[in-house]
N, C-alpha and C. Protein backbone atom coordinates (compact mmCIF):
# COMPACT_ATOMS: atom_id res chain seq x y z
N MET A 1 0.84 -1.18 0.00
CA MET A 1 0.00 0.00 0.00
C MET A 1 0.89 1.24 0.00
N LEU A 2 0.50 2.20 -0.75
CA LEU A 2 1.24 3.45 -0.87
C LEU A 2 0.46 4.56 -0.19
N THR A 3 1.11 5.26 0.73
CA THR A 3 0.49 6.40 1.39
C THR A 3 1.15 7.67 0.84
N ILE A 4 0.32 8.60 0.40
CA ILE A 4 0.83 9.84 -0.19
C ILE A 4 0.35 11.01 0.64
N GLY A 5 1.27 11.88 1.03
CA GLY A 5 0.93 13.10 1.75
C GLY A 5 1.25 14.29 0.87
N THR A 6 0.51 15.36 1.05
CA THR A 6 0.74 16.56 0.24
C THR A 6 0.74 17.80 1.12
N ALA A 7 1.44 18.81 0.67
CA ALA A 7 1.45 20.11 1.35
C ALA A 7 1.92 21.17 0.37
N LEU A 8 1.42 22.37 0.54
CA LEU A 8 1.87 23.52 -0.24
C LEU A 8 2.30 24.61 0.73
N ASP A 9 3.24 25.43 0.30
CA ASP A 9 3.74 26.50 1.16
C ASP A 9 3.94 27.76 0.32
N THR A 10 3.49 28.88 0.84
CA THR A 10 3.66 30.15 0.11
C THR A 10 5.09 30.65 0.14
N GLY A 11 5.87 30.16 1.06
CA GLY A 11 7.25 30.64 1.17
C GLY A 11 7.30 31.94 1.96
N LYS A 12 8.44 32.60 1.91
CA LYS A 12 8.66 33.81 2.70
C LYS A 12 8.35 35.10 1.96
N VAL A 13 8.19 35.04 0.63
CA VAL A 13 8.03 36.25 -0.16
C VAL A 13 6.58 36.52 -0.55
N ARG A 14 5.85 35.50 -0.95
CA ARG A 14 4.50 35.66 -1.48
C ARG A 14 3.44 35.64 -0.38
N LYS A 15 2.33 36.33 -0.63
CA LYS A 15 1.20 36.30 0.29
C LYS A 15 0.19 35.24 -0.13
N GLU A 16 0.18 34.93 -1.43
CA GLU A 16 -0.78 33.97 -1.97
C GLU A 16 -0.03 32.78 -2.55
N ASN A 17 -0.52 31.58 -2.27
CA ASN A 17 0.05 30.40 -2.89
C ASN A 17 -0.69 30.15 -4.19
N GLN A 18 0.00 30.25 -5.31
CA GLN A 18 -0.60 30.05 -6.62
C GLN A 18 -0.44 28.62 -7.13
N ASP A 19 0.26 27.80 -6.38
CA ASP A 19 0.49 26.43 -6.79
C ASP A 19 -0.74 25.57 -6.53
N ALA A 20 -0.83 24.45 -7.22
CA ALA A 20 -1.92 23.50 -7.01
C ALA A 20 -1.35 22.10 -7.16
N LEU A 21 -2.00 21.16 -6.52
CA LEU A 21 -1.56 19.78 -6.66
C LEU A 21 -2.75 18.85 -6.64
N GLY A 22 -2.52 17.68 -7.19
CA GLY A 22 -3.57 16.67 -7.23
C GLY A 22 -2.96 15.29 -7.15
N VAL A 23 -3.64 14.39 -6.46
CA VAL A 23 -3.26 12.99 -6.38
C VAL A 23 -4.47 12.20 -6.86
N PHE A 24 -4.30 11.45 -7.93
CA PHE A 24 -5.42 10.76 -8.55
C PHE A 24 -5.16 9.26 -8.60
N ASN A 25 -6.12 8.50 -8.13
CA ASN A 25 -6.04 7.05 -8.18
C ASN A 25 -6.56 6.55 -9.52
N PRO A 26 -6.08 5.39 -9.95
CA PRO A 26 -6.58 4.84 -11.22
C PRO A 26 -8.06 4.51 -11.13
N PRO A 27 -8.71 4.49 -12.27
CA PRO A 27 -10.14 4.15 -12.26
C PRO A 27 -10.36 2.74 -11.71
N PRO A 28 -11.53 2.47 -11.16
CA PRO A 28 -11.82 1.12 -10.66
C PRO A 28 -11.63 0.09 -11.77
N GLY A 29 -11.08 -1.04 -11.40
CA GLY A 29 -10.87 -2.11 -12.36
C GLY A 29 -9.54 -2.03 -13.09
N ASN A 30 -8.76 -0.98 -12.83
CA ASN A 30 -7.46 -0.86 -13.49
C ASN A 30 -6.36 -1.05 -12.45
N ASN A 31 -5.78 -2.23 -12.44
CA ASN A 31 -4.71 -2.49 -11.47
C ASN A 31 -3.33 -2.38 -12.10
N THR A 32 -3.26 -1.92 -13.35
CA THR A 32 -1.97 -1.76 -14.00
C THR A 32 -1.48 -0.31 -13.96
N ARG A 33 -2.36 0.60 -13.66
CA ARG A 33 -2.01 2.02 -13.66
C ARG A 33 -1.66 2.47 -12.24
N SER A 34 -0.61 3.23 -12.12
CA SER A 34 -0.20 3.79 -10.83
C SER A 34 -0.97 5.07 -10.55
N PRO A 35 -1.01 5.50 -9.30
CA PRO A 35 -1.60 6.81 -9.02
C PRO A 35 -0.82 7.90 -9.77
N LEU A 36 -1.51 8.96 -10.09
CA LEU A 36 -0.89 10.10 -10.77
C LEU A 36 -0.79 11.25 -9.78
N ILE A 37 0.41 11.79 -9.64
CA ILE A 37 0.64 12.94 -8.76
C ILE A 37 1.04 14.11 -9.65
N VAL A 38 0.28 15.20 -9.54
CA VAL A 38 0.52 16.38 -10.39
C VAL A 38 0.77 17.59 -9.51
N VAL A 39 1.83 18.31 -9.79
CA VAL A 39 2.12 19.58 -9.13
C VAL A 39 2.15 20.64 -10.21
N ALA A 40 1.34 21.68 -10.05
CA ALA A 40 1.28 22.77 -11.03
C ALA A 40 1.81 24.04 -10.37
N ASP A 41 2.88 24.57 -10.93
CA ASP A 41 3.50 25.78 -10.42
C ASP A 41 2.70 26.99 -10.86
N GLY A 42 2.29 27.81 -9.91
CA GLY A 42 1.49 29.00 -10.23
C GLY A 42 2.29 30.16 -10.76
N MET A 43 3.52 29.98 -11.12
CA MET A 43 4.42 30.98 -11.71
C MET A 43 4.96 32.01 -10.74
N GLY A 44 4.64 31.93 -9.50
CA GLY A 44 5.27 32.79 -8.51
C GLY A 44 5.06 34.28 -8.68
N GLY A 45 3.88 34.72 -9.00
CA GLY A 45 3.64 36.15 -9.01
C GLY A 45 2.72 36.67 -10.08
N PRO A 46 2.85 36.21 -11.36
CA PRO A 46 1.95 36.78 -12.37
C PRO A 46 0.49 36.57 -12.01
N LEU A 47 -0.32 37.57 -12.27
CA LEU A 47 -1.75 37.43 -12.01
C LEU A 47 -2.29 36.29 -12.86
N GLY A 48 -3.19 35.54 -12.30
CA GLY A 48 -3.76 34.42 -13.02
C GLY A 48 -3.04 33.12 -12.81
N GLY A 49 -1.91 33.14 -12.11
CA GLY A 49 -1.15 31.92 -11.88
C GLY A 49 -1.94 30.89 -11.09
N ALA A 50 -2.71 31.35 -10.12
CA ALA A 50 -3.52 30.43 -9.31
C ALA A 50 -4.61 29.78 -10.16
N ILE A 51 -5.21 30.56 -11.05
CA ILE A 51 -6.25 30.02 -11.92
C ILE A 51 -5.63 29.01 -12.89
N ALA A 52 -4.50 29.37 -13.48
CA ALA A 52 -3.84 28.47 -14.43
C ALA A 52 -3.44 27.15 -13.78
N SER A 53 -2.90 27.21 -12.58
CA SER A 53 -2.47 25.97 -11.93
C SER A 53 -3.67 25.08 -11.60
N LYS A 54 -4.78 25.67 -11.22
CA LYS A 54 -6.00 24.88 -10.95
C LYS A 54 -6.55 24.26 -12.23
N LEU A 55 -6.47 25.00 -13.34
CA LEU A 55 -6.89 24.45 -14.62
C LEU A 55 -6.05 23.25 -15.02
N VAL A 56 -4.76 23.32 -14.76
CA VAL A 56 -3.87 22.20 -15.06
C VAL A 56 -4.28 20.96 -14.28
N ILE A 57 -4.50 21.13 -12.97
CA ILE A 57 -4.88 19.99 -12.13
C ILE A 57 -6.20 19.39 -12.62
N SER A 58 -7.16 20.22 -12.91
CA SER A 58 -8.46 19.75 -13.37
C SER A 58 -8.34 18.99 -14.70
N ALA A 59 -7.59 19.54 -15.63
CA ALA A 59 -7.42 18.90 -16.94
C ALA A 59 -6.68 17.57 -16.82
N MET A 60 -5.64 17.52 -15.98
CA MET A 60 -4.90 16.28 -15.78
C MET A 60 -5.80 15.22 -15.13
N HIS A 61 -6.59 15.63 -14.16
CA HIS A 61 -7.52 14.70 -13.51
C HIS A 61 -8.50 14.12 -14.52
N ASP A 62 -9.12 14.98 -15.30
CA ASP A 62 -10.11 14.52 -16.27
C ASP A 62 -9.48 13.58 -17.30
N SER A 63 -8.31 13.93 -17.80
CA SER A 63 -7.63 13.08 -18.79
C SER A 63 -7.27 11.73 -18.21
N TYR A 64 -6.81 11.73 -16.98
CA TYR A 64 -6.36 10.49 -16.34
C TYR A 64 -7.54 9.58 -15.99
N THR A 65 -8.57 10.14 -15.42
CA THR A 65 -9.67 9.29 -14.96
C THR A 65 -10.61 8.88 -16.09
N ASN A 66 -10.63 9.62 -17.19
CA ASN A 66 -11.53 9.29 -18.29
C ASN A 66 -10.84 8.53 -19.43
N ALA A 67 -9.55 8.23 -19.27
CA ALA A 67 -8.81 7.56 -20.34
C ALA A 67 -9.18 6.08 -20.43
N GLU A 68 -8.93 5.52 -21.59
CA GLU A 68 -9.14 4.09 -21.78
C GLU A 68 -8.28 3.32 -20.78
N LEU A 69 -8.79 2.22 -20.29
CA LEU A 69 -8.08 1.44 -19.28
C LEU A 69 -6.71 0.96 -19.76
N ARG A 70 -6.57 0.67 -21.02
CA ARG A 70 -5.31 0.11 -21.52
C ARG A 70 -4.36 1.16 -22.09
N LYS A 71 -4.69 2.40 -21.97
CA LYS A 71 -3.88 3.46 -22.58
C LYS A 71 -2.50 3.52 -21.93
N ASP A 72 -1.48 3.72 -22.73
CA ASP A 72 -0.10 3.81 -22.30
C ASP A 72 0.11 5.03 -21.39
N SER A 73 0.97 4.89 -20.38
CA SER A 73 1.21 5.98 -19.42
C SER A 73 1.72 7.25 -20.10
N ALA A 74 2.63 7.11 -21.05
CA ALA A 74 3.15 8.29 -21.74
C ALA A 74 2.04 9.01 -22.51
N ASP A 75 1.16 8.24 -23.14
CA ASP A 75 0.04 8.85 -23.85
C ASP A 75 -0.92 9.54 -22.90
N LEU A 76 -1.12 8.95 -21.72
CA LEU A 76 -1.97 9.58 -20.71
C LEU A 76 -1.42 10.94 -20.31
N LEU A 77 -0.12 10.99 -20.08
CA LEU A 77 0.51 12.26 -19.69
C LEU A 77 0.40 13.29 -20.81
N LEU A 78 0.67 12.87 -22.04
CA LEU A 78 0.57 13.80 -23.17
C LEU A 78 -0.85 14.32 -23.33
N ASP A 79 -1.83 13.43 -23.21
CA ASP A 79 -3.23 13.87 -23.30
C ASP A 79 -3.54 14.91 -22.23
N GLY A 80 -3.07 14.66 -21.02
CA GLY A 80 -3.30 15.60 -19.92
C GLY A 80 -2.61 16.93 -20.15
N ILE A 81 -1.39 16.88 -20.65
CA ILE A 81 -0.64 18.11 -20.92
C ILE A 81 -1.34 18.94 -21.99
N PHE A 82 -1.78 18.29 -23.06
CA PHE A 82 -2.49 19.02 -24.12
C PHE A 82 -3.83 19.55 -23.63
N ALA A 83 -4.53 18.77 -22.81
CA ALA A 83 -5.80 19.24 -22.26
C ALA A 83 -5.58 20.46 -21.37
N ALA A 84 -4.52 20.42 -20.55
CA ALA A 84 -4.20 21.56 -19.68
C ALA A 84 -3.83 22.78 -20.52
N HIS A 85 -3.05 22.57 -21.54
CA HIS A 85 -2.65 23.65 -22.44
C HIS A 85 -3.88 24.31 -23.06
N ASN A 86 -4.80 23.49 -23.55
CA ASN A 86 -6.01 24.03 -24.17
C ASN A 86 -6.92 24.73 -23.16
N ALA A 87 -7.02 24.20 -21.96
CA ALA A 87 -7.85 24.83 -20.93
C ALA A 87 -7.31 26.22 -20.58
N ILE A 88 -5.99 26.33 -20.46
CA ILE A 88 -5.38 27.62 -20.14
C ILE A 88 -5.57 28.58 -21.31
N LEU A 89 -5.39 28.07 -22.53
CA LEU A 89 -5.55 28.92 -23.71
C LEU A 89 -6.97 29.50 -23.78
N LYS A 90 -7.98 28.68 -23.51
CA LYS A 90 -9.36 29.14 -23.55
C LYS A 90 -9.62 30.21 -22.48
N LYS A 91 -8.97 30.07 -21.36
CA LYS A 91 -9.20 30.99 -20.24
C LYS A 91 -8.30 32.22 -20.32
N ALA A 92 -7.34 32.22 -21.22
CA ALA A 92 -6.28 33.23 -21.24
C ALA A 92 -6.65 34.52 -21.97
N MET A 93 -7.89 34.89 -21.96
CA MET A 93 -8.26 36.13 -22.63
C MET A 93 -7.77 37.38 -21.90
N PRO A 94 -7.98 37.50 -20.59
CA PRO A 94 -7.44 38.69 -19.91
C PRO A 94 -5.91 38.67 -19.94
N ARG A 95 -5.32 39.84 -19.95
CA ARG A 95 -3.87 39.96 -20.03
C ARG A 95 -3.16 39.21 -18.91
N SER A 96 -3.70 39.26 -17.71
CA SER A 96 -3.04 38.61 -16.59
C SER A 96 -2.91 37.11 -16.82
N LEU A 97 -3.93 36.50 -17.40
CA LEU A 97 -3.85 35.07 -17.67
C LEU A 97 -2.99 34.76 -18.87
N LYS A 98 -2.87 35.71 -19.81
CA LYS A 98 -1.99 35.47 -20.95
C LYS A 98 -0.56 35.29 -20.49
N MET A 99 -0.15 36.05 -19.48
CA MET A 99 1.22 35.91 -18.96
C MET A 99 1.40 34.52 -18.35
N ALA A 100 0.43 34.05 -17.60
CA ALA A 100 0.50 32.72 -17.01
C ALA A 100 0.51 31.67 -18.11
N TYR A 101 -0.27 31.89 -19.16
CA TYR A 101 -0.32 30.96 -20.28
C TYR A 101 1.04 30.88 -20.97
N ILE A 102 1.66 32.02 -21.20
CA ILE A 102 2.96 32.03 -21.86
C ILE A 102 3.97 31.24 -21.03
N ASN A 103 3.99 31.48 -19.74
CA ASN A 103 4.91 30.76 -18.87
C ASN A 103 4.62 29.26 -18.87
N ALA A 104 3.35 28.89 -18.78
CA ALA A 104 2.97 27.47 -18.78
C ALA A 104 3.30 26.84 -20.13
N SER A 105 3.05 27.57 -21.21
CA SER A 105 3.33 27.06 -22.54
C SER A 105 4.81 26.76 -22.72
N ASN A 106 5.66 27.64 -22.20
CA ASN A 106 7.10 27.40 -22.28
C ASN A 106 7.49 26.16 -21.50
N LYS A 107 6.88 25.96 -20.34
CA LYS A 107 7.17 24.76 -19.55
C LYS A 107 6.69 23.51 -20.28
N ILE A 108 5.53 23.58 -20.92
CA ILE A 108 5.00 22.44 -21.68
C ILE A 108 5.95 22.10 -22.83
N LYS A 109 6.46 23.12 -23.52
CA LYS A 109 7.40 22.88 -24.61
C LYS A 109 8.66 22.18 -24.10
N ASP A 110 9.15 22.58 -22.94
CA ASP A 110 10.32 21.94 -22.35
C ASP A 110 10.03 20.48 -22.01
N ILE A 111 8.85 20.22 -21.45
CA ILE A 111 8.46 18.84 -21.11
C ILE A 111 8.37 18.00 -22.38
N MET A 112 7.76 18.55 -23.42
CA MET A 112 7.63 17.81 -24.67
C MET A 112 8.99 17.52 -25.28
N ALA A 113 9.89 18.48 -25.22
CA ALA A 113 11.25 18.28 -25.74
C ALA A 113 11.94 17.15 -24.97
N GLU A 114 11.79 17.16 -23.65
CA GLU A 114 12.41 16.13 -22.83
C GLU A 114 11.82 14.76 -23.14
N ILE A 115 10.51 14.67 -23.32
CA ILE A 115 9.86 13.41 -23.66
C ILE A 115 10.40 12.90 -25.01
N ASN A 116 10.66 13.81 -25.93
CA ASN A 116 11.17 13.43 -27.26
C ASN A 116 12.68 13.29 -27.28
N GLY A 117 13.33 13.41 -26.13
CA GLY A 117 14.78 13.23 -26.07
C GLY A 117 15.57 14.43 -26.56
N GLU A 118 14.94 15.58 -26.60
CA GLU A 118 15.62 16.79 -27.05
C GLU A 118 15.94 17.66 -25.84
N PRO A 119 16.99 18.50 -25.94
CA PRO A 119 17.27 19.39 -24.80
C PRO A 119 16.20 20.48 -24.68
N PRO A 120 15.81 20.83 -23.44
CA PRO A 120 14.82 21.91 -23.28
C PRO A 120 15.42 23.25 -23.71
N ASN A 121 14.55 24.20 -24.04
CA ASN A 121 15.00 25.54 -24.46
C ASN A 121 15.58 26.31 -23.31
């Protein structure tokens, strides 16, 4: 049995914690999939970071829990990353969220490069 604990901390500089996290168990009947632990960095200051990080957690949860039982783990992560990217893009109309989107988009590009065996930017 695996026990998972979570905690977030605003640190010494910020008044608001913009980070979000989620721990998701595999759907019932799937004993081949491990729990998914997601940490979304709220970008440490730009307005909208808290909203963007919550969108990431929500999109990753939905992608993970609604995926086909036999879907490959790497594909599950990619689906979640793209869903999070699209959720942020849809919400990124105000300028404050556009900054969070740009930062998140750059992180997603780095993750995709690493998955493809390329050096991050």
